[in-house]
């Protein structure tokens, strides 16, 4: 009787180990599935000019969208851009609502814990934008002033971690958070906030296009520079490798430079 009981326990342990092993196998490389469907779903913030945004005709346009289309054209795969809540981007990726996060997505150490990144394809800086009429011309002028930032952005992440740059200076030691930079810039213009922590690429493009660059200061903050990269699930190693290969090919044959020149009038590919 004791032997049977012991054998039952062993059988149960073997079954549990097998189930655990099966569970580990569930996270599979998704490249073949994407290739079979001939479609990849990319999550993006459709207000982030000039990386990926909805234009006045309701069409999704931008540097990242042009680049994504060029990358996946190499593999005969169609790109489907899906607007998402940027604050929920990693959750959307984990739940497989999207295949990639691609929209001026900064490769930070914190995010590396959750996603796999491609090689960098562009660099960026976090800057402070203020109205010239405010007389705020440097970070130290933000003492007891109201700051704005985007919820879930790498800028706000830097703000909370490197407290000596801005957090310890601004009113209430925190920022007013916005779902998108458009809303934040409107509040800055209306004087509801005194400064906005924002991606340099966004600030320059938005203010230049709207003819307002001369009315604002774009101030260097002191936060470390960032690399833009594409975020994928950690299991999707082949997908990441193939995007990297396409980046290199596009730059070698000059197609990357053409897309870059269209949006920035220069080659933004990082140099070593």
Protein backbone atom coordinates (compact mmCIF):
# COMPACT_ATOMS: atom_id res chain seq x y z
CA UNK A 1 0.00 0.00 0.00
CA UNK A 2 2.82 2.33 0.89
CA UNK A 3 4.54 1.51 -2.40
CA UNK A 4 1.41 2.41 -4.38
CA UNK A 5 1.09 5.65 -2.48
CA UNK A 6 4.71 6.49 -3.16
CA UNK A 7 4.32 5.68 -6.87
CA UNK A 8 1.27 7.96 -6.99
CA UNK A 9 3.25 10.84 -5.54
CA UNK A 10 6.03 10.27 -8.10
CA UNK A 11 3.49 10.22 -10.94
CA UNK A 12 1.98 13.48 -9.67
CA UNK A 13 5.40 15.15 -9.54
CA UNK A 14 6.22 13.97 -13.07
CA UNK A 15 2.90 15.38 -14.30
CA UNK A 16 3.58 18.74 -12.60
CA UNK A 17 7.05 18.94 -14.16
CA UNK A 18 5.59 18.16 -17.58
CA UNK A 19 2.97 20.88 -17.20
CA UNK A 20 5.64 23.37 -16.18
CA UNK A 21 7.73 22.45 -19.21
CA UNK A 22 4.72 22.88 -21.49
CA UNK A 23 4.03 26.27 -19.97
CA UNK A 24 7.56 27.39 -20.76
CA UNK A 25 7.15 26.34 -24.38
CA UNK A 26 4.10 28.55 -24.84
CA UNK A 27 6.19 31.67 -25.47
CA UNK A 28 7.20 30.89 -29.06
CA UNK A 29 8.99 32.94 -31.65
CA UNK A 30 6.18 34.60 -33.62
CA UNK A 31 8.04 35.30 -36.88
CA UNK A 32 6.55 32.35 -38.78
CA UNK A 33 3.03 33.34 -37.76
CA UNK A 34 3.58 36.92 -38.98
CA UNK A 35 5.11 35.61 -42.21
CA UNK A 36 2.17 33.26 -42.80
CA UNK A 37 -0.40 36.03 -42.19
CA UNK A 38 1.70 38.46 -44.24
CA UNK A 39 0.78 41.14 -41.71
CA UNK A 40 2.45 42.71 -38.67
CA UNK A 41 0.50 44.85 -36.18
CA UNK A 42 2.38 47.86 -34.84
CA UNK A 43 1.19 49.80 -31.79
CA UNK A 44 1.75 53.57 -31.87
CA UNK A 45 0.65 56.89 -30.38
CA UNK A 46 -1.15 58.56 -33.27
CA UNK A 47 -0.36 62.07 -31.99
CA UNK A 48 3.45 61.79 -31.90
CA UNK A 49 4.69 64.03 -34.73
CA UNK A 50 6.70 63.44 -36.80
CA UNK A 51 7.24 59.79 -35.86
CA UNK A 52 3.71 58.45 -36.32
CA UNK A 53 0.53 60.50 -36.29
CA UNK A 54 -2.85 61.06 -37.93
CA UNK A 55 -2.77 63.91 -40.43
CA UNK A 56 -5.56 66.36 -41.29
CA UNK A 57 -7.02 63.85 -43.75
CA UNK A 58 -7.18 61.12 -41.10
CA UNK A 59 -4.29 59.17 -42.62
CA UNK A 60 -1.54 57.63 -40.50
CA UNK A 61 1.76 59.18 -41.55
CA UNK A 62 5.23 59.78 -40.13
CA UNK A 63 8.88 58.80 -40.19
CA UNK A 64 8.38 55.59 -38.21
CA UNK A 65 5.46 54.55 -40.44
CA UNK A 66 7.47 55.08 -43.62
CA UNK A 67 10.41 53.21 -42.09
CA UNK A 68 8.24 50.30 -40.89
CA UNK A 69 6.70 49.95 -44.35
CA UNK A 70 10.16 49.92 -45.93
CA UNK A 71 11.42 47.31 -43.44
CA UNK A 72 8.56 44.87 -43.94
CA UNK A 73 8.43 45.37 -47.70
CA UNK A 74 11.72 43.46 -47.64
CA UNK A 75 9.76 40.44 -46.37
CA UNK A 76 6.54 40.96 -48.36
CA UNK A 77 4.65 41.69 -45.12
CA UNK A 78 1.93 44.33 -44.78
CA UNK A 79 2.11 46.81 -41.89
CA UNK A 80 -1.02 47.52 -39.89
CA UNK A 81 -0.67 50.57 -37.64
CA UNK A 82 -2.85 50.36 -34.53
CA UNK A 83 -3.34 53.41 -32.31
CA UNK A 84 -2.96 52.52 -28.61
CA UNK A 85 -2.97 54.14 -25.18
CA UNK A 86 0.77 54.87 -24.89
CA UNK A 87 0.68 54.31 -21.15
CA UNK A 88 -0.47 50.71 -21.81
CA UNK A 89 1.97 49.90 -24.62
CA UNK A 90 3.88 47.08 -22.88
CA UNK A 91 0.61 45.52 -21.70
CA UNK A 92 -0.75 45.60 -25.26
CA UNK A 93 2.43 43.86 -26.43
CA UNK A 94 2.29 41.23 -23.69
CA UNK A 95 -1.38 40.51 -24.43
CA UNK A 96 -0.53 40.10 -28.14
CA UNK A 97 -2.92 42.86 -29.20
CA UNK A 98 0.07 44.17 -31.15
CA UNK A 99 3.29 42.59 -32.46
CA UNK A 100 5.58 45.60 -32.00
CA UNK A 101 5.87 48.96 -30.26
CA UNK A 102 7.24 51.39 -32.83
CA UNK A 103 6.76 55.13 -32.40
CA UNK A 104 9.69 57.09 -31.03
CA UNK A 105 10.06 54.36 -28.38
CA UNK A 106 13.10 55.04 -26.20
CA UNK A 107 15.20 52.02 -25.26
CA UNK A 108 15.60 52.43 -21.49
CA UNK A 109 16.96 49.99 -18.92
CA UNK A 110 13.58 49.86 -17.23
CA UNK A 111 11.86 48.91 -20.49
CA UNK A 112 14.54 46.32 -21.30
CA UNK A 113 13.15 44.27 -18.41
CA UNK A 114 9.83 43.96 -20.26
CA UNK A 115 10.66 43.93 -23.96
CA UNK A 116 13.33 43.01 -26.48
CA UNK A 117 14.73 45.96 -28.42
CA UNK A 118 16.08 46.16 -31.94
CA UNK A 119 19.24 48.08 -32.68
CA UNK A 120 18.83 51.88 -32.33
CA UNK A 121 17.78 53.70 -35.50
CA UNK A 122 17.72 57.28 -34.14
CA UNK A 123 18.78 59.34 -31.12
CA UNK A 124 16.69 61.76 -29.07
CA UNK A 125 16.93 64.21 -26.16
CA UNK A 126 14.41 65.25 -23.52
CA UNK A 127 14.04 69.04 -23.54
CA UNK A 128 12.11 71.65 -21.60
CA UNK A 129 9.87 73.90 -23.70
CA UNK A 130 8.77 77.27 -22.30
CA UNK A 131 7.18 80.42 -23.71
CA UNK A 132 9.69 83.20 -24.31
CA UNK A 133 7.35 85.59 -22.52
CA UNK A 134 7.76 83.52 -19.33
CA UNK A 135 11.47 84.43 -19.00
CA UNK A 136 12.21 80.78 -18.18
CA UNK A 137 15.43 80.19 -20.11
CA UNK A 138 17.11 77.48 -18.05
CA UNK A 139 16.12 74.53 -15.87
CA UNK A 140 16.84 76.43 -12.64
CA UNK A 141 14.16 78.99 -13.59
CA UNK A 142 11.51 76.27 -13.09
CA UNK A 143 11.66 76.64 -9.28
CA UNK A 144 8.06 76.45 -7.96
CA UNK A 145 6.74 76.49 -11.55
CA UNK A 146 4.17 74.11 -13.07
CA UNK A 147 5.61 71.38 -15.28
CA UNK A 148 3.79 69.19 -17.79
CA UNK A 149 4.78 65.74 -19.14
CA UNK A 150 3.24 62.83 -21.02
CA UNK A 151 1.94 59.87 -19.03
CA UNK A 152 4.08 56.77 -19.67
CA UNK A 153 6.81 58.68 -21.53
CA UNK A 154 10.54 58.13 -21.13
CA UNK A 155 10.77 61.82 -20.22
CA UNK A 156 8.49 61.40 -17.22
CA UNK A 157 10.39 58.24 -16.27
CA UNK A 158 13.66 60.24 -16.26
CA UNK A 159 11.93 63.00 -14.31
CA UNK A 160 10.94 60.59 -11.50
CA UNK A 161 14.35 58.91 -11.32
CA UNK A 162 16.78 61.83 -11.74
CA UNK A 163 15.08 64.03 -9.17
CA UNK A 164 17.84 66.66 -9.01
CA UNK A 165 17.23 67.84 -12.59
CA UNK A 166 13.60 69.00 -12.38
CA UNK A 167 11.57 67.07 -9.82
CA UNK A 168 13.11 68.76 -6.79
CA UNK A 169 12.55 72.20 -8.33
CA UNK A 170 9.03 72.27 -9.76
CA UNK A 171 5.78 73.00 -7.93
CA UNK A 172 4.55 70.07 -5.81
CA UNK A 173 7.64 68.13 -6.93
CA UNK A 174 5.61 66.53 -9.70
CA UNK A 175 4.28 67.15 -13.21
CA UNK A 176 0.80 67.54 -14.63
CA UNK A 177 0.37 64.44 -16.79
CA UNK A 178 -1.20 64.38 -20.24
CA UNK A 179 -2.31 61.57 -22.55
CA UNK A 180 -0.58 63.26 -25.48
CA UNK A 181 1.78 66.16 -26.17
CA UNK A 182 -0.78 68.06 -28.26
CA UNK A 183 -2.94 68.65 -25.19
CA UNK A 184 0.12 69.58 -23.14
CA UNK A 185 1.29 72.14 -25.71
CA UNK A 186 -2.15 73.73 -25.77
CA UNK A 187 -2.00 74.08 -21.98
CA UNK A 188 1.50 75.54 -22.23
CA UNK A 189 0.30 78.08 -24.77
CA UNK A 190 -2.67 78.98 -22.53
CA UNK A 191 -0.41 79.39 -19.48
CA UNK A 192 -1.90 76.51 -17.50
CA UNK A 193 1.61 75.06 -17.18
CA UNK A 194 4.92 76.93 -17.25
CA UNK A 195 7.10 74.34 -18.93
CA UNK A 196 6.76 71.06 -20.79
CA UNK A 197 9.15 68.11 -20.68
CA UNK A 198 9.05 66.70 -24.19
CA UNK A 199 11.02 64.84 -26.85
CA UNK A 200 13.23 67.21 -28.81
CA UNK A 201 12.16 65.66 -32.11
CA UNK A 202 8.49 66.35 -31.32
CA UNK A 203 9.04 69.89 -30.04
CA UNK A 204 11.08 71.02 -33.04
CA UNK A 205 8.75 69.52 -35.63
CA UNK A 206 5.51 70.71 -34.01
CA UNK A 207 6.63 74.28 -33.31
CA UNK A 208 8.32 74.69 -36.69
CA UNK A 209 5.33 73.37 -38.65
CA UNK A 210 2.95 75.64 -36.74
CA UNK A 211 5.19 78.69 -37.23
CA UNK A 212 5.63 79.12 -33.47
CA UNK A 213 9.28 78.19 -32.95
CA UNK A 214 10.26 81.84 -32.43
CA UNK A 215 7.77 82.14 -29.55
CA UNK A 216 9.27 79.34 -27.45
CA UNK A 217 12.50 78.32 -25.76
CA UNK A 218 13.78 74.76 -26.25
CA UNK A 219 16.03 74.19 -23.26
CA UNK A 220 18.55 71.40 -22.73
CA UNK A 221 17.65 69.57 -19.52
CA UNK A 222 20.69 67.49 -18.66
CA UNK A 223 18.92 64.15 -18.93
CA UNK A 224 20.95 61.53 -20.77
CA UNK A 225 20.37 61.11 -24.50
CA UNK A 226 18.09 58.29 -25.63
CA UNK A 227 18.02 55.82 -28.49
CA UNK A 228 14.82 55.15 -30.39
CA UNK A 229 14.36 51.43 -31.09
CA UNK A 230 11.55 49.00 -31.85
CA UNK A 231 10.11 46.97 -28.95
CA UNK A 232 9.11 43.31 -29.32
CA UNK A 233 8.23 40.41 -27.05
CA UNK A 234 11.36 38.75 -25.67
CA UNK A 235 10.40 35.50 -27.41
CA UNK A 236 10.35 37.15 -30.85
CA UNK A 237 14.08 36.93 -31.51
CA UNK A 238 13.75 36.22 -35.23
CA UNK A 239 11.47 39.24 -35.67
CA UNK A 240 14.03 41.48 -33.96
CA UNK A 241 16.91 40.01 -36.01
CA UNK A 242 15.05 40.53 -39.28
CA UNK A 243 14.21 44.16 -38.46
CA UNK A 244 17.90 44.76 -37.66
CA UNK A 245 18.94 43.19 -40.98
CA UNK A 246 16.46 45.39 -42.83
CA UNK A 247 17.71 48.54 -41.05
CA UNK A 248 21.25 47.83 -42.20
CA UNK A 249 20.17 47.01 -45.75
CA UNK A 250 18.02 50.14 -46.02
CA UNK A 251 20.88 52.32 -44.85
CA UNK A 252 23.42 50.62 -47.11
CA UNK A 253 21.25 51.12 -50.20
CA UNK A 254 20.29 54.71 -49.29
CA UNK A 255 16.57 54.14 -48.77
CA UNK A 256 16.79 54.96 -45.06
CA UNK A 257 18.45 58.29 -45.90
CA UNK A 258 15.63 59.20 -48.31
CA UNK A 259 12.97 58.58 -45.63
CA UNK A 260 15.04 60.45 -43.05
CA UNK A 261 15.58 63.43 -45.36
CA UNK A 262 11.83 63.64 -46.02
CA UNK A 263 11.06 64.18 -42.33
CA UNK A 264 14.24 65.71 -40.86
CA UNK A 265 16.28 67.05 -43.82
CA UNK A 266 19.21 64.95 -42.64
CA UNK A 267 20.33 61.37 -41.98
CA UNK A 268 19.31 60.48 -38.41
CA UNK A 269 20.79 56.97 -38.38
CA UNK A 270 23.11 56.69 -35.33
CA UNK A 271 26.82 56.60 -36.04
CA UNK A 272 29.18 54.67 -33.82
